[in-house]
Amino acid sequence: MKSFNDFCQSITQEHQDEWSRELNARMLQIRLPLTDETVEEFLSFVLNSNIEMTLKILRQYHEWLSD
């Protein structure tokens, strides 16, 4: 089986930049001042972005294993 460390090393800055651009394309706008409602919106965005990024990495890992 391939080494997970090798996979981690295969992730380039270009990969990270691409994934970040995809998430940033959502154009999150934070409403100020932060209130209970806007903090919840912000935290939801961060959580969902984290989940999406994790899935992108898992997809990349699956493709890497298949090579």
PDB file of N, CA and C in Angstrom:
ATOM      1  N   MET A   1       0.845  -1.183   0.000  1.00  0.00           N
ATOM      2  CA  MET A   1       0.000   0.000   0.000  1.00  0.00           C
ATOM      3  C   MET A   1       0.889   1.245   0.000  1.00  0.00           C
ATOM      4  N   LYS A   2       0.413   2.272  -0.680  1.00  0.00           N
ATOM      5  CA  LYS A   2       1.168   3.512  -0.754  1.00  0.00           C
ATOM      6  C   LYS A   2       1.197   4.197   0.609  1.00  0.00           C
ATOM      7  N   SER A   3       2.245   4.944   0.825  1.00  0.00           N
ATOM      8  CA  SER A   3       2.420   5.654   2.091  1.00  0.00           C
ATOM      9  C   SER A   3       1.579   6.934   2.124  1.00  0.00           C
ATOM     10  N   PHE A   4       0.883   7.128   3.213  1.00  0.00           N
ATOM     11  CA  PHE A   4       0.085   8.345   3.367  1.00  0.00           C
ATOM     12  C   PHE A   4       0.993   9.574   3.381  1.00  0.00           C
ATOM     13  N   ASN A   5       2.178   9.432   3.947  1.00  0.00           N
ATOM     14  CA  ASN A   5       3.127  10.547   3.949  1.00  0.00           C
ATOM     15  C   ASN A   5       3.503  10.954   2.530  1.00  0.00           C
ATOM     16  N   ASP A   6       3.644   9.979   1.642  1.00  0.00           N
ATOM     17  CA  ASP A   6       3.920  10.297   0.242  1.00  0.00           C
ATOM     18  C   ASP A   6       2.768  11.093  -0.365  1.00  0.00           C
ATOM     19  N   PHE A   7       1.566  10.717  -0.025  1.00  0.00           N
ATOM     20  CA  PHE A   7       0.408  11.473  -0.511  1.00  0.00           C
ATOM     21  C   PHE A   7       0.464  12.906  -0.008  1.00  0.00           C
ATOM     22  N   CYS A   8       0.697  13.061   1.277  1.00  0.00           N
ATOM     23  CA  CYS A   8       0.745  14.419   1.853  1.00  0.00           C
ATOM     24  C   CYS A   8       1.789  15.274   1.143  1.00  0.00           C
ATOM     25  N   GLN A   9       2.919  14.672   0.828  1.00  0.00           N
ATOM     26  CA  GLN A   9       3.968  15.404   0.129  1.00  0.00           C
ATOM     27  C   GLN A   9       3.597  15.704  -1.316  1.00  0.00           C
ATOM     28  N   SER A  10       2.653  14.955  -1.863  1.00  0.00           N
ATOM     29  CA  SER A  10       2.243  15.180  -3.253  1.00  0.00           C
ATOM     30  C   SER A  10       1.292  16.366  -3.400  1.00  0.00           C
ATOM     31  N   ILE A  11       0.736  16.822  -2.298  1.00  0.00           N
ATOM     32  CA  ILE A  11      -0.169  17.972  -2.356  1.00  0.00           C
ATOM     33  C   ILE A  11       0.682  19.235  -2.516  1.00  0.00           C
ATOM     34  N   THR A  12       0.489  19.888  -3.627  1.00  0.00           N
ATOM     35  CA  THR A  12       1.301  21.059  -3.946  1.00  0.00           C
ATOM     36  C   THR A  12       0.595  22.340  -3.501  1.00  0.00           C
ATOM     37  N   GLN A  13       1.337  23.410  -3.540  1.00  0.00           N
ATOM     38  CA  GLN A  13       0.755  24.718  -3.259  1.00  0.00           C
ATOM     39  C   GLN A  13      -0.326  25.040  -4.293  1.00  0.00           C
ATOM     40  N   GLU A  14      -0.132  24.571  -5.527  1.00  0.00           N
ATOM     41  CA  GLU A  14      -1.140  24.781  -6.571  1.00  0.00           C
ATOM     42  C   GLU A  14      -2.461  24.111  -6.199  1.00  0.00           C
ATOM     43  N   HIS A  15      -2.376  22.895  -5.649  1.00  0.00           N
ATOM     44  CA  HIS A  15      -3.602  22.230  -5.190  1.00  0.00           C
ATOM     45  C   HIS A  15      -4.295  23.088  -4.138  1.00  0.00           C
ATOM     46  N   GLN A  16      -3.529  23.511  -3.157  1.00  0.00           N
ATOM     47  CA  GLN A  16      -4.109  24.291  -2.065  1.00  0.00           C
ATOM     48  C   GLN A  16      -4.693  25.600  -2.576  1.00  0.00           C
ATOM     49  N   ASP A  17      -4.002  26.249  -3.504  1.00  0.00           N
ATOM     50  CA  ASP A  17      -4.499  27.506  -4.065  1.00  0.00           C
ATOM     51  C   ASP A  17      -5.803  27.294  -4.822  1.00  0.00           C
ATOM     52  N   GLU A  18      -5.857  26.220  -5.607  1.00  0.00           N
ATOM     53  CA  GLU A  18      -7.071  25.918  -6.373  1.00  0.00           C
ATOM     54  C   GLU A  18      -8.254  25.677  -5.441  1.00  0.00           C
ATOM     55  N   TRP A  19      -8.025  24.854  -4.428  1.00  0.00           N
ATOM     56  CA  TRP A  19      -9.109  24.561  -3.481  1.00  0.00           C
ATOM     57  C   TRP A  19      -9.547  25.825  -2.758  1.00  0.00           C
ATOM     58  N   SER A  20      -8.623  26.673  -2.397  1.00  0.00           N
ATOM     59  CA  SER A  20      -8.963  27.920  -1.714  1.00  0.00           C
ATOM     60  C   SER A  20      -9.757  28.843  -2.634  1.00  0.00           C
ATOM     61  N   ARG A  21      -9.346  28.917  -3.909  1.00  0.00           N
ATOM     62  CA  ARG A  21     -10.088  29.761  -4.860  1.00  0.00           C
ATOM     63  C   ARG A  21     -11.532  29.288  -4.992  1.00  0.00           C
ATOM     64  N   GLU A  22     -11.720  27.975  -5.037  1.00  0.00           N
ATOM     65  CA  GLU A  22     -13.073  27.436  -5.152  1.00  0.00           C
ATOM     66  C   GLU A  22     -13.928  27.849  -3.954  1.00  0.00           C
ATOM     67  N   LEU A  23     -13.341  27.780  -2.759  1.00  0.00           N
ATOM     68  CA  LEU A  23     -14.095  28.169  -1.564  1.00  0.00           C
ATOM     69  C   LEU A  23     -14.313  29.682  -1.517  1.00  0.00           C
ATOM     70  N   ASN A  24     -13.295  30.447  -1.915  1.00  0.00           N
ATOM     71  CA  ASN A  24     -13.406  31.897  -1.887  1.00  0.00           C
ATOM     72  C   ASN A  24     -14.385  32.428  -2.921  1.00  0.00           C
ATOM     73  N   ALA A  25     -14.674  31.629  -3.942  1.00  0.00           N
ATOM     74  CA  ALA A  25     -15.609  32.048  -4.982  1.00  0.00           C
ATOM     75  C   ALA A  25     -17.013  32.282  -4.411  1.00  0.00           C
ATOM     76  N   ARG A  26     -17.253  31.794  -3.243  1.00  0.00           N
ATOM     77  CA  ARG A  26     -18.561  31.978  -2.601  1.00  0.00           C
ATOM     78  C   ARG A  26     -18.770  33.422  -2.145  1.00  0.00           C
ATOM     79  N   MET A  27     -17.675  34.174  -2.087  1.00  0.00           N
ATOM     80  CA  MET A  27     -17.748  35.594  -1.749  1.00  0.00           C
ATOM     81  C   MET A  27     -18.465  35.832  -0.410  1.00  0.00           C
ATOM     82  N   LEU A  28     -17.977  35.186   0.608  1.00  0.00           N
ATOM     83  CA  LEU A  28     -18.536  35.368   1.941  1.00  0.00           C
ATOM     84  C   LEU A  28     -18.437  36.835   2.338  1.00  0.00           C
ATOM     85  N   GLN A  29     -19.532  37.365   2.804  1.00  0.00           N
ATOM     86  CA  GLN A  29     -19.530  38.719   3.319  1.00  0.00           C
ATOM     87  C   GLN A  29     -19.940  38.647   4.785  1.00  0.00           C
ATOM     88  N   ILE A  30     -19.096  39.192   5.626  1.00  0.00           N
ATOM     89  CA  ILE A  30     -19.379  39.185   7.056  1.00  0.00           C
ATOM     90  C   ILE A  30     -20.127  40.467   7.400  1.00  0.00           C
ATOM     91  N   ARG A  31     -21.253  40.299   8.030  1.00  0.00           N
ATOM     92  CA  ARG A  31     -22.024  41.470   8.449  1.00  0.00           C
ATOM     93  C   ARG A  31     -21.519  41.931   9.801  1.00  0.00           C
ATOM     94  N   LEU A  32     -21.162  43.186   9.850  1.00  0.00           N
ATOM     95  CA  LEU A  32     -20.690  43.791  11.092  1.00  0.00           C
ATOM     96  C   LEU A  32     -21.736  44.755  11.604  1.00  0.00           C
ATOM     97  N   PRO A  33     -21.845  44.938  12.884  1.00  0.00           N
ATOM     98  CA  PRO A  33     -21.080  44.264  13.930  1.00  0.00           C
ATOM     99  C   PRO A  33     -21.541  42.812  14.068  1.00  0.00           C
ATOM    100  N   LEU A  34     -20.662  42.003  14.596  1.00  0.00           N
ATOM    101  CA  LEU A  34     -21.018  40.602  14.800  1.00  0.00           C
ATOM    102  C   LEU A  34     -22.073  40.503  15.889  1.00  0.00           C
ATOM    103  N   THR A  35     -23.111  39.817  15.554  1.00  0.00           N
ATOM    104  CA  THR A  35     -24.197  39.562  16.503  1.00  0.00           C
ATOM    105  C   THR A  35     -24.325  38.056  16.661  1.00  0.00           C
ATOM    106  N   ASP A  36     -25.201  37.618  17.513  1.00  0.00           N
ATOM    107  CA  ASP A  36     -25.421  36.174  17.659  1.00  0.00           C
ATOM    108  C   ASP A  36     -25.777  35.553  16.310  1.00  0.00           C
ATOM    109  N   GLU A  37     -26.572  36.245  15.535  1.00  0.00           N
ATOM    110  CA  GLU A  37     -26.996  35.731  14.238  1.00  0.00           C
ATOM    111  C   GLU A  37     -25.834  35.689  13.242  1.00  0.00           C
ATOM    112  N   THR A  38     -25.062  36.746  13.136  1.00  0.00           N
ATOM    113  CA  THR A  38     -23.986  36.777  12.147  1.00  0.00           C
ATOM    114  C   THR A  38     -22.818  35.891  12.557  1.00  0.00           C
ATOM    115  N   VAL A  39     -22.570  35.751  13.830  1.00  0.00           N
ATOM    116  CA  VAL A  39     -21.517  34.832  14.280  1.00  0.00           C
ATOM    117  C   VAL A  39     -21.899  33.412  13.902  1.00  0.00           C
ATOM    118  N   GLU A  40     -23.149  33.077  14.065  1.00  0.00           N
ATOM    119  CA  GLU A  40     -23.613  31.738  13.699  1.00  0.00           C
ATOM    120  C   GLU A  40     -23.458  31.502  12.197  1.00  0.00           C
ATOM    121  N   GLU A  41     -23.776  32.502  11.379  1.00  0.00           N
ATOM    122  CA  GLU A  41     -23.595  32.384   9.935  1.00  0.00           C
ATOM    123  C   GLU A  41     -22.120  32.172   9.593  1.00  0.00           C
ATOM    124  N   PHE A  42     -21.255  32.955  10.228  1.00  0.00           N
ATOM    125  CA  PHE A  42     -19.825  32.850   9.979  1.00  0.00           C
ATOM    126  C   PHE A  42     -19.301  31.474  10.383  1.00  0.00           C
ATOM    127  N   LEU A  43     -19.675  31.013  11.550  1.00  0.00           N
ATOM    128  CA  LEU A  43     -19.219  29.703  12.014  1.00  0.00           C
ATOM    129  C   LEU A  43     -19.737  28.580  11.117  1.00  0.00           C
ATOM    130  N   SER A  44     -20.951  28.718  10.641  1.00  0.00           N
ATOM    131  CA  SER A  44     -21.507  27.719   9.717  1.00  0.00           C
ATOM    132  C   SER A  44     -20.702  27.680   8.429  1.00  0.00           C
ATOM    133  N   PHE A  45     -20.328  28.867   7.927  1.00  0.00           N
ATOM    134  CA  PHE A  45     -19.517  28.918   6.720  1.00  0.00           C
ATOM    135  C   PHE A  45     -18.164  28.237   6.946  1.00  0.00           C
ATOM    136  N   VAL A  46     -17.521  28.537   8.061  1.00  0.00           N
ATOM    137  CA  VAL A  46     -16.215  27.944   8.360  1.00  0.00           C
ATOM    138  C   VAL A  46     -16.344  26.423   8.463  1.00  0.00           C
ATOM    139  N   LEU A  47     -17.348  25.954   9.170  1.00  0.00           N
ATOM    140  CA  LEU A  47     -17.546  24.515   9.321  1.00  0.00           C
ATOM    141  C   LEU A  47     -17.802  23.846   7.973  1.00  0.00           C
ATOM    142  N   ASN A  48     -18.681  24.419   7.179  1.00  0.00           N
ATOM    143  CA  ASN A  48     -18.991  23.834   5.874  1.00  0.00           C
ATOM    144  C   ASN A  48     -17.784  23.876   4.939  1.00  0.00           C
ATOM    145  N   SER A  49     -17.010  24.934   5.016  1.00  0.00           N
ATOM    146  CA  SER A  49     -15.790  25.025   4.206  1.00  0.00           C
ATOM    147  C   SER A  49     -14.796  23.952   4.614  1.00  0.00           C
ATOM    148  N   ASN A  50     -14.691  23.714   5.905  1.00  0.00           N
ATOM    149  CA  ASN A  50     -13.785  22.676   6.405  1.00  0.00           C
ATOM    150  C   ASN A  50     -14.224  21.304   5.901  1.00  0.00           C
ATOM    151  N   ILE A  51     -15.495  21.040   5.953  1.00  0.00           N
ATOM    152  CA  ILE A  51     -16.013  19.758   5.465  1.00  0.00           C
ATOM    153  C   ILE A  51     -15.741  19.618   3.973  1.00  0.00           C
ATOM    154  N   GLU A  52     -15.999  20.671   3.218  1.00  0.00           N
ATOM    155  CA  GLU A  52     -15.777  20.629   1.777  1.00  0.00           C
ATOM    156  C   GLU A  52     -14.294  20.419   1.449  1.00  0.00           C
ATOM    157  N   MET A  53     -13.418  21.096   2.157  1.00  0.00           N
ATOM    158  CA  MET A  53     -11.983  20.937   1.934  1.00  0.00           C
ATOM    159  C   MET A  53     -11.550  19.508   2.269  1.00  0.00           C
ATOM    160  N   THR A  54     -12.077  18.958   3.347  1.00  0.00           N
ATOM    161  CA  THR A  54     -11.764  17.578   3.726  1.00  0.00           C
ATOM    162  C   THR A  54     -12.189  16.609   2.636  1.00  0.00           C
ATOM    163  N   LEU A  55     -13.361  16.820   2.066  1.00  0.00           N
ATOM    164  CA  LEU A  55     -13.834  15.946   0.988  1.00  0.00           C
ATOM    165  C   LEU A  55     -12.963  16.078  -0.259  1.00  0.00           C
ATOM    166  N   LYS A  56     -12.508  17.285  -0.557  1.00  0.00           N
ATOM    167  CA  LYS A  56     -11.613  17.488  -1.696  1.00  0.00           C
ATOM    168  C   LYS A  56     -10.308  16.717  -1.491  1.00  0.00           C
ATOM    169  N   ILE A  57      -9.779  16.773  -0.287  1.00  0.00           N
ATOM    170  CA  ILE A  57      -8.535  16.063   0.013  1.00  0.00           C
ATOM    171  C   ILE A  57      -8.755  14.555  -0.055  1.00  0.00           C
ATOM    172  N   LEU A  58      -9.873  14.082   0.469  1.00  0.00           N
ATOM    173  CA  LEU A  58     -10.173  12.646   0.389  1.00  0.00           C
ATOM    174  C   LEU A  58     -10.329  12.199  -1.062  1.00  0.00           C
ATOM    175  N   ARG A  59     -10.962  13.030  -1.886  1.00  0.00           N
ATOM    176  CA  ARG A  59     -11.114  12.706  -3.302  1.00  0.00           C
ATOM    177  C   ARG A  59      -9.743  12.634  -3.974  1.00  0.00           C
ATOM    178  N   GLN A  60      -8.900  13.614  -3.658  1.00  0.00           N
ATOM    179  CA  GLN A  60      -7.539  13.631  -4.206  1.00  0.00           C
ATOM    180  C   GLN A  60      -6.770  12.374  -3.762  1.00  0.00           C
ATOM    181  N   TYR A  61      -6.945  11.994  -2.509  1.00  0.00           N
ATOM    182  CA  TYR A  61      -6.275  10.798  -1.978  1.00  0.00           C
ATOM    183  C   TYR A  61      -6.748   9.543  -2.708  1.00  0.00           C
ATOM    184  N   HIS A  62      -8.029   9.443  -2.924  1.00  0.00           N
ATOM    185  CA  HIS A  62      -8.574   8.277  -3.633  1.00  0.00           C
ATOM    186  C   HIS A  62      -7.994   8.198  -5.046  1.00  0.00           C
ATOM    187  N   GLU A  63      -7.934   9.336  -5.725  1.00  0.00           N
ATOM    188  CA  GLU A  63      -7.366   9.356  -7.080  1.00  0.00           C
ATOM    189  C   GLU A  63      -5.884   8.987  -7.038  1.00  0.00           C
ATOM    190  N   TRP A  64      -5.173   9.496  -6.042  1.00  0.00           N
ATOM    191  CA  TRP A  64      -3.741   9.203  -5.888  1.00  0.00           C
ATOM    192  C   TRP A  64      -3.522   7.708  -5.662  1.00  0.00           C
ATOM    193  N   LEU A  65      -4.364   7.102  -4.847  1.00  0.00           N
ATOM    194  CA  LEU A  65      -4.229   5.658  -4.594  1.00  0.00           C
ATOM    195  C   LEU A  65      -4.488   4.846  -5.857  1.00  0.00           C
ATOM    196  N   SER A  66      -5.362   5.344  -6.709  1.00  0.00           N
ATOM    197  CA  SER A  66      -5.723   4.620  -7.937  1.00  0.00           C
ATOM    198  C   SER A  66      -4.659   4.697  -9.003  1.00  0.00           C
ATOM    199  N   ASP A  67      -3.758   5.667  -8.887  1.00  0.00           N
ATOM    200  CA  ASP A  67      -2.687   5.815  -9.897  1.00  0.00           C
ATOM    201  C   ASP A  67      -1.686   4.706  -9.811  1.00  0.00           C
TER     202      ASP A  67
END
